[in-house]
Structures are given as structure tokens and as C-alpha cells.
């Protein structure tokens, strides 16, 4: 009598509600992980996963927080109103890479953020000067 173990990761659950599908698509289009969206909305990754994969709806305050984190109206998030085209278009890989770097900058102390912004301003001015010459 032996025990058989199946190896590997558990299967990813597929969204079971229209809202779950919509939330997942919008999150991915914004280039966010569940953890990043949870942090932006003031909740947990587990809650985001639950909203995406189970037929449950977030509470009204949580719905508002999710909409703000995704830069949408609650009507757009719920599917009552069409989405702006840019909300569903997946940004190109280079743009996603830049946004990820900017999210890291947002976590730096204020002093370091100012240094990064001064560098960006200097680089942009130098580029503009080369174009004008």
C-alpha cells in the first residue's frame, strides 16, 4: 500500500464571474500583479484573488478602492459603462518595464525620489538641447 503524490503547483483557478474576468483583465492591462493591486487598494492579495476567481463581489468601499487603484470609475469597473480604449490595451513591454521602475522609485525616501526626478529632468533637457542644435 503506497501513497501517490501528485507533484507540481496547484492549478490556477479561472474567473467564475463576469466581474472576476473583468477585474483580472483590467489588472493585467495595467501591468499589475495581484499583490500590487492589493497594496494600491488597501487590501490583501488573497482578497483580489477571491474577487477574481469566486463569484463574490467586493463590498462598496472595496469596490471604490479598486476603481481608484485602477484609475477607473466604479461604473467602468462594474461593466455598466464602457472602458476607455487605453484601459484595456496592454502597454508594450518597454513601457511596462518603465512603469515597474517608477513604482520602485515611489517606494524610495522623498530625498532619493527628488534625486531621481532631477536626473530625469536633466536628461530630458539635454535631449531637447541636442534636438534643437
N, C-alpha and C. Protein backbone atom coordinates (compact mmCIF):
# COMPACT_ATOMS: atom_id res chain seq x y z
N UNK A 1 0.84 -1.17 0.00
CA UNK A 1 0.00 0.00 0.00
C UNK A 1 0.89 1.23 0.00
N UNK A 2 0.87 1.97 -1.07
CA UNK A 2 1.71 3.15 -1.17
C UNK A 2 0.88 4.41 -1.33
N UNK A 3 1.53 5.50 -1.06
CA UNK A 3 0.88 6.81 -1.20
C UNK A 3 1.39 7.44 -2.48
N UNK A 4 0.47 7.91 -3.29
CA UNK A 4 0.84 8.56 -4.53
C UNK A 4 0.64 10.06 -4.36
N UNK A 5 1.69 10.78 -4.58
CA UNK A 5 1.61 12.24 -4.51
C UNK A 5 1.69 12.81 -5.91
N UNK A 6 0.88 13.77 -6.16
CA UNK A 6 0.99 14.45 -7.45
C UNK A 6 1.83 15.69 -7.23
N UNK A 7 2.81 15.86 -8.04
CA UNK A 7 3.73 16.99 -7.88
C UNK A 7 3.26 18.21 -8.64
N UNK A 8 3.97 19.26 -8.47
CA UNK A 8 3.69 20.48 -9.21
C UNK A 8 2.85 21.47 -8.43
N UNK A 9 2.64 22.58 -9.06
CA UNK A 9 1.87 23.67 -8.48
C UNK A 9 0.38 23.39 -8.64
N UNK A 10 -0.41 23.92 -7.73
CA UNK A 10 -1.86 23.78 -7.91
C UNK A 10 -2.31 24.53 -9.16
N UNK A 11 -3.39 24.03 -9.76
CA UNK A 11 -3.90 24.70 -10.95
C UNK A 11 -4.37 26.10 -10.63
N UNK A 12 -4.18 26.99 -11.56
CA UNK A 12 -4.72 28.34 -11.39
C UNK A 12 -6.22 28.27 -11.58
N UNK A 13 -6.92 28.94 -10.68
CA UNK A 13 -8.38 28.98 -10.80
C UNK A 13 -8.75 30.01 -11.86
N UNK A 14 -9.71 29.67 -12.64
CA UNK A 14 -10.21 30.59 -13.66
C UNK A 14 -11.33 31.44 -13.07
N UNK A 15 -11.47 32.67 -13.54
CA UNK A 15 -12.56 33.51 -13.04
C UNK A 15 -13.90 32.83 -13.26
N UNK A 16 -14.77 32.94 -12.24
CA UNK A 16 -16.07 32.28 -12.35
C UNK A 16 -17.21 33.29 -12.47
N UNK A 17 -16.88 34.56 -12.52
CA UNK A 17 -17.91 35.58 -12.68
C UNK A 17 -17.46 36.60 -13.71
N UNK A 18 -18.41 37.28 -14.27
CA UNK A 18 -18.09 38.33 -15.25
C UNK A 18 -17.23 39.41 -14.58
N UNK A 19 -17.54 39.73 -13.33
CA UNK A 19 -16.75 40.72 -12.61
C UNK A 19 -15.32 40.23 -12.43
N UNK A 20 -15.15 38.96 -12.07
CA UNK A 20 -13.81 38.41 -11.88
C UNK A 20 -12.98 38.48 -13.14
N UNK A 21 -13.58 38.15 -14.26
CA UNK A 21 -12.88 38.23 -15.56
C UNK A 21 -12.48 39.67 -15.83
N UNK A 22 -13.41 40.57 -15.62
CA UNK A 22 -13.16 41.99 -15.90
C UNK A 22 -12.05 42.53 -15.00
N UNK A 23 -12.10 42.22 -13.71
CA UNK A 23 -11.08 42.69 -12.77
C UNK A 23 -9.71 42.17 -13.17
N UNK A 24 -9.63 40.88 -13.50
CA UNK A 24 -8.35 40.29 -13.89
C UNK A 24 -7.80 40.95 -15.16
N UNK A 25 -8.65 41.14 -16.15
CA UNK A 25 -8.20 41.75 -17.40
C UNK A 25 -7.72 43.18 -17.18
N UNK A 26 -8.46 43.94 -16.38
CA UNK A 26 -8.06 45.33 -16.12
C UNK A 26 -6.75 45.38 -15.33
N UNK A 27 -6.62 44.51 -14.35
CA UNK A 27 -5.38 44.47 -13.56
C UNK A 27 -4.19 44.14 -14.45
N UNK A 28 -4.35 43.13 -15.30
CA UNK A 28 -3.26 42.73 -16.19
C UNK A 28 -2.96 43.80 -17.23
N UNK A 29 -4.00 44.46 -17.73
CA UNK A 29 -3.79 45.53 -18.71
C UNK A 29 -3.00 46.68 -18.11
N UNK A 30 -3.15 46.88 -16.82
CA UNK A 30 -2.40 47.93 -16.12
C UNK A 30 -0.99 47.45 -15.75
N UNK A 31 -0.71 46.17 -16.01
CA UNK A 31 0.61 45.63 -15.71
C UNK A 31 0.83 45.41 -14.22
N UNK A 32 -0.26 45.16 -13.48
CA UNK A 32 -0.17 44.97 -12.04
C UNK A 32 -0.31 43.51 -11.66
N UNK A 33 0.40 43.13 -10.63
CA UNK A 33 0.19 41.81 -10.04
C UNK A 33 -0.97 41.94 -9.04
N UNK A 34 -1.45 40.81 -8.57
CA UNK A 34 -2.49 40.86 -7.54
C UNK A 34 -1.98 41.57 -6.29
N UNK A 35 -0.73 41.33 -5.94
CA UNK A 35 -0.13 41.96 -4.76
C UNK A 35 -0.09 43.48 -4.94
N UNK A 36 0.34 43.94 -6.10
CA UNK A 36 0.43 45.38 -6.35
C UNK A 36 -0.94 46.04 -6.31
N UNK A 37 -1.94 45.41 -6.92
CA UNK A 37 -3.29 45.97 -6.88
C UNK A 37 -3.81 45.98 -5.45
N UNK A 38 -3.55 44.92 -4.71
CA UNK A 38 -4.00 44.85 -3.32
C UNK A 38 -3.40 45.99 -2.50
N UNK A 39 -2.11 46.24 -2.68
CA UNK A 39 -1.47 47.33 -1.94
C UNK A 39 -2.08 48.67 -2.32
N UNK A 40 -2.31 48.88 -3.61
CA UNK A 40 -2.88 50.15 -4.07
C UNK A 40 -4.31 50.35 -3.58
N UNK A 41 -5.03 49.25 -3.40
CA UNK A 41 -6.43 49.33 -2.98
C UNK A 41 -6.60 49.15 -1.48
N UNK A 42 -5.51 48.95 -0.75
CA UNK A 42 -5.59 48.81 0.69
C UNK A 42 -6.22 47.51 1.15
N UNK A 43 -5.93 46.44 0.43
CA UNK A 43 -6.48 45.14 0.80
C UNK A 43 -5.38 44.10 0.69
N UNK A 44 -5.74 42.84 0.59
CA UNK A 44 -4.75 41.77 0.52
C UNK A 44 -4.79 41.08 -0.84
N UNK A 45 -3.71 40.40 -1.16
CA UNK A 45 -3.65 39.63 -2.40
C UNK A 45 -4.71 38.55 -2.39
N UNK A 46 -4.95 37.99 -1.23
CA UNK A 46 -5.96 36.93 -1.11
C UNK A 46 -7.35 37.45 -1.49
N UNK A 47 -7.65 38.69 -1.08
CA UNK A 47 -8.95 39.28 -1.42
C UNK A 47 -9.06 39.50 -2.93
N UNK A 48 -7.98 39.99 -3.55
CA UNK A 48 -8.00 40.20 -5.01
C UNK A 48 -8.21 38.86 -5.72
N UNK A 49 -7.49 37.85 -5.28
CA UNK A 49 -7.64 36.51 -5.87
C UNK A 49 -9.08 36.03 -5.72
N UNK A 50 -9.65 36.27 -4.56
CA UNK A 50 -11.03 35.84 -4.29
C UNK A 50 -12.00 36.55 -5.22
N UNK A 51 -11.83 37.87 -5.40
CA UNK A 51 -12.72 38.61 -6.30
C UNK A 51 -12.58 38.13 -7.74
N UNK A 52 -11.36 37.76 -8.12
CA UNK A 52 -11.12 37.33 -9.50
C UNK A 52 -11.61 35.91 -9.77
N UNK A 53 -11.57 35.04 -8.78
CA UNK A 53 -11.84 33.63 -9.05
C UNK A 53 -13.15 33.10 -8.48
N UNK A 54 -13.74 33.77 -7.55
CA UNK A 54 -15.00 33.31 -6.98
C UNK A 54 -16.11 34.26 -7.39
N UNK A 55 -17.32 33.81 -7.25
CA UNK A 55 -18.46 34.59 -7.71
C UNK A 55 -18.86 35.68 -6.71
N UNK A 56 -17.98 36.03 -5.80
CA UNK A 56 -18.28 37.05 -4.80
C UNK A 56 -17.91 38.43 -5.31
N UNK A 57 -18.63 39.41 -4.80
CA UNK A 57 -18.39 40.80 -5.17
C UNK A 57 -17.75 41.52 -4.00
N UNK A 58 -16.90 42.48 -4.28
CA UNK A 58 -16.32 43.26 -3.18
C UNK A 58 -17.40 44.13 -2.53
N UNK A 59 -17.12 44.55 -1.30
CA UNK A 59 -18.02 45.49 -0.65
C UNK A 59 -17.95 46.83 -1.38
N UNK A 60 -18.91 47.70 -1.14
CA UNK A 60 -18.92 49.00 -1.82
C UNK A 60 -17.64 49.79 -1.54
N UNK A 61 -17.19 49.91 -0.29
CA UNK A 61 -15.93 50.64 -0.06
C UNK A 61 -14.74 50.01 -0.79
N UNK A 62 -14.71 48.66 -0.83
CA UNK A 62 -13.61 48.00 -1.52
C UNK A 62 -13.71 48.19 -3.03
N UNK A 63 -14.92 48.21 -3.55
CA UNK A 63 -15.14 48.46 -4.98
C UNK A 63 -14.61 49.84 -5.36
N UNK A 64 -14.90 50.82 -4.52
CA UNK A 64 -14.42 52.18 -4.76
C UNK A 64 -12.89 52.22 -4.73
N UNK A 65 -12.28 51.53 -3.76
CA UNK A 65 -10.82 51.50 -3.65
C UNK A 65 -10.20 50.81 -4.88
N UNK A 66 -10.82 49.73 -5.35
CA UNK A 66 -10.31 49.04 -6.55
C UNK A 66 -10.40 49.95 -7.77
N UNK A 67 -11.53 50.64 -7.92
CA UNK A 67 -11.70 51.54 -9.06
C UNK A 67 -10.65 52.65 -9.03
N UNK A 68 -10.40 53.22 -7.86
CA UNK A 68 -9.38 54.27 -7.74
C UNK A 68 -8.00 53.72 -8.08
N UNK A 69 -7.69 52.52 -7.57
CA UNK A 69 -6.37 51.92 -7.83
C UNK A 69 -6.17 51.63 -9.32
N UNK A 70 -7.26 51.31 -10.01
CA UNK A 70 -7.18 51.02 -11.45
C UNK A 70 -7.43 52.26 -12.31
N UNK A 71 -7.66 53.40 -11.65
CA UNK A 71 -7.90 54.69 -12.33
C UNK A 71 -9.12 54.58 -13.26
N UNK A 72 -10.22 54.04 -12.70
CA UNK A 72 -11.47 53.89 -13.42
C UNK A 72 -12.61 54.38 -12.54
N UNK A 73 -13.77 54.55 -13.14
CA UNK A 73 -14.96 54.80 -12.34
C UNK A 73 -15.51 53.46 -11.89
N UNK A 74 -16.34 53.48 -10.86
CA UNK A 74 -16.96 52.22 -10.43
C UNK A 74 -17.86 51.67 -11.53
N UNK A 75 -18.52 52.54 -12.29
CA UNK A 75 -19.35 52.08 -13.40
C UNK A 75 -18.52 51.34 -14.44
N UNK A 76 -17.31 51.86 -14.73
CA UNK A 76 -16.44 51.19 -15.69
C UNK A 76 -15.96 49.85 -15.13
N UNK A 77 -15.62 49.81 -13.85
CA UNK A 77 -15.15 48.58 -13.23
C UNK A 77 -16.25 47.52 -13.21
N UNK A 78 -17.47 47.94 -12.96
CA UNK A 78 -18.59 47.01 -12.91
C UNK A 78 -19.11 46.61 -14.29
N UNK A 79 -18.66 47.30 -15.33
CA UNK A 79 -19.11 46.98 -16.68
C UNK A 79 -20.41 47.67 -17.06
N UNK A 80 -20.82 48.64 -16.26
CA UNK A 80 -22.05 49.38 -16.56
C UNK A 80 -21.79 50.46 -17.61
N UNK A 81 -20.55 50.83 -17.75
CA UNK A 81 -20.13 51.87 -18.69
C UNK A 81 -18.91 51.34 -19.42
N UNK A 82 -18.81 51.67 -20.70
CA UNK A 82 -17.68 51.21 -21.49
C UNK A 82 -16.36 51.73 -20.95
N UNK A 83 -15.31 51.01 -21.24
CA UNK A 83 -13.98 51.41 -20.80
C UNK A 83 -13.32 52.31 -21.82
N UNK A 84 -12.50 53.24 -21.35
CA UNK A 84 -11.67 53.97 -22.31
C UNK A 84 -10.76 52.97 -23.01
N UNK A 85 -10.48 53.18 -24.25
CA UNK A 85 -9.67 52.24 -25.03
C UNK A 85 -8.33 51.96 -24.36
N UNK A 86 -7.72 52.97 -23.79
CA UNK A 86 -6.41 52.79 -23.16
C UNK A 86 -6.47 51.88 -21.94
N UNK A 87 -7.63 51.74 -21.31
CA UNK A 87 -7.73 50.93 -20.10
C UNK A 87 -7.59 49.45 -20.39
N UNK A 88 -7.93 49.02 -21.59
CA UNK A 88 -7.87 47.60 -21.91
C UNK A 88 -6.67 47.25 -22.78
N UNK A 89 -6.03 48.24 -23.38
CA UNK A 89 -4.87 47.97 -24.23
C UNK A 89 -3.67 47.66 -23.34
N UNK A 90 -3.01 46.57 -23.63
CA UNK A 90 -1.83 46.19 -22.85
C UNK A 90 -0.65 47.04 -23.35
N UNK A 91 0.04 47.73 -22.45
CA UNK A 91 1.15 48.56 -22.89
C UNK A 91 2.28 47.69 -23.43
N UNK A 92 3.10 48.25 -24.32
CA UNK A 92 4.22 47.48 -24.86
C UNK A 92 5.20 47.11 -23.73
N UNK A 93 6.00 46.06 -23.94
CA UNK A 93 6.91 45.59 -22.88
C UNK A 93 7.83 46.67 -22.34
N UNK A 94 8.36 47.52 -23.20
CA UNK A 94 9.27 48.57 -22.73
C UNK A 94 8.56 49.54 -21.80
N UNK A 95 7.32 49.87 -22.12
CA UNK A 95 6.55 50.78 -21.26
C UNK A 95 6.24 50.11 -19.92
N UNK A 96 5.92 48.82 -19.94
CA UNK A 96 5.67 48.10 -18.68
C UNK A 96 6.91 48.08 -17.81
N UNK A 97 8.08 47.91 -18.45
CA UNK A 97 9.35 47.90 -17.71
C UNK A 97 9.59 49.25 -17.05
N UNK A 98 9.31 50.32 -17.77
CA UNK A 98 9.49 51.67 -17.22
C UNK A 98 8.54 51.90 -16.04
N UNK A 99 7.27 51.49 -16.18
CA UNK A 99 6.31 51.66 -15.09
C UNK A 99 6.72 50.88 -13.85
N UNK A 100 7.28 49.69 -14.05
CA UNK A 100 7.75 48.91 -12.91
C UNK A 100 8.88 49.65 -12.18
N UNK A 101 9.77 50.25 -12.95
CA UNK A 101 10.87 51.02 -12.35
C UNK A 101 10.32 52.23 -11.60
N UNK A 102 9.32 52.90 -12.17
CA UNK A 102 8.74 54.06 -11.49
C UNK A 102 8.03 53.66 -10.20
N UNK A 103 7.43 52.47 -10.18
CA UNK A 103 6.82 52.01 -8.93
C UNK A 103 7.88 51.82 -7.85
N UNK A 104 9.08 51.38 -8.26
CA UNK A 104 10.18 51.24 -7.31
C UNK A 104 10.61 52.61 -6.78
N UNK A 105 10.64 53.60 -7.67
CA UNK A 105 11.01 54.96 -7.27
C UNK A 105 10.01 55.48 -6.24
N UNK A 106 8.73 55.16 -6.41
CA UNK A 106 7.70 55.62 -5.49
C UNK A 106 7.92 55.07 -4.07
N UNK A 107 8.65 53.99 -3.94
CA UNK A 107 8.91 53.39 -2.63
C UNK A 107 10.15 53.96 -1.96
N UNK A 108 10.92 54.77 -2.70
CA UNK A 108 12.14 55.37 -2.14
C UNK A 108 11.80 56.50 -1.18
N UNK A 109 12.74 56.84 -0.32
CA UNK A 109 12.53 58.02 0.53
C UNK A 109 12.40 59.28 -0.35
N UNK A 110 11.73 60.29 0.17
CA UNK A 110 11.46 61.52 -0.57
C UNK A 110 12.73 62.13 -1.16
N UNK A 111 13.80 62.13 -0.38
CA UNK A 111 15.07 62.73 -0.84
C UNK A 111 15.60 62.01 -2.08
N UNK A 112 15.54 60.67 -2.06
CA UNK A 112 16.01 59.89 -3.20
C UNK A 112 15.09 60.07 -4.41
N UNK A 113 13.79 60.19 -4.17
CA UNK A 113 12.86 60.44 -5.27
C UNK A 113 13.21 61.76 -5.97
N UNK A 114 13.48 62.79 -5.18
CA UNK A 114 13.84 64.09 -5.78
C UNK A 114 15.10 63.97 -6.63
N UNK A 115 16.07 63.18 -6.17
CA UNK A 115 17.31 62.99 -6.92
C UNK A 115 17.03 62.31 -8.26
N UNK A 116 16.17 61.30 -8.24
CA UNK A 116 15.81 60.59 -9.48
C UNK A 116 15.10 61.55 -10.44
N UNK A 117 14.18 62.36 -9.92
CA UNK A 117 13.44 63.30 -10.77
C UNK A 117 14.36 64.38 -11.34
N UNK A 118 15.34 64.83 -10.54
CA UNK A 118 16.31 65.82 -11.07
C UNK A 118 17.10 65.21 -12.22
N UNK A 119 17.50 63.93 -12.07
CA UNK A 119 18.24 63.27 -13.14
C UNK A 119 17.39 63.16 -14.40
N UNK A 120 16.12 62.77 -14.25
CA UNK A 120 15.23 62.65 -15.40
C UNK A 120 15.07 64.01 -16.08
N UNK A 121 14.86 65.06 -15.29
CA UNK A 121 14.73 66.41 -15.85
C UNK A 121 15.98 66.82 -16.61
N UNK A 122 17.15 66.53 -16.04
CA UNK A 122 18.41 66.87 -16.70
C UNK A 122 18.57 66.11 -18.01
N UNK A 123 18.25 64.84 -18.01
CA UNK A 123 18.37 64.03 -19.22
C UNK A 123 17.42 64.54 -20.29
N UNK A 124 16.20 64.91 -19.91
CA UNK A 124 15.22 65.42 -20.87
C UNK A 124 15.67 66.76 -21.44
N UNK A 125 16.22 67.64 -20.59
CA UNK A 125 16.73 68.93 -21.08
C UNK A 125 17.90 68.73 -22.04
N UNK A 126 18.79 67.81 -21.71
CA UNK A 126 19.94 67.54 -22.59
C UNK A 126 19.47 66.99 -23.94
N UNK A 127 18.48 66.14 -23.92
CA UNK A 127 17.94 65.58 -25.17
C UNK A 127 17.30 66.68 -26.00
N UNK A 128 16.55 67.55 -25.34
CA UNK A 128 15.90 68.67 -26.05
C UNK A 128 16.95 69.61 -26.65
N UNK A 129 18.03 69.84 -25.92
CA UNK A 129 19.10 70.71 -26.42
C UNK A 129 19.76 70.09 -27.65
N UNK A 130 19.95 68.78 -27.64
CA UNK A 130 20.55 68.10 -28.81
C UNK A 130 19.63 68.20 -30.01
N UNK A 131 18.33 68.09 -29.78
CA UNK A 131 17.36 68.20 -30.88
C UNK A 131 17.34 69.59 -31.49
N UNK A 132 17.51 70.59 -30.63
CA UNK A 132 17.44 71.98 -31.09
C UNK A 132 18.69 72.41 -31.83
N UNK A 133 19.81 71.73 -31.57
CA UNK A 133 21.09 72.13 -32.17
C UNK A 133 21.21 71.72 -33.62
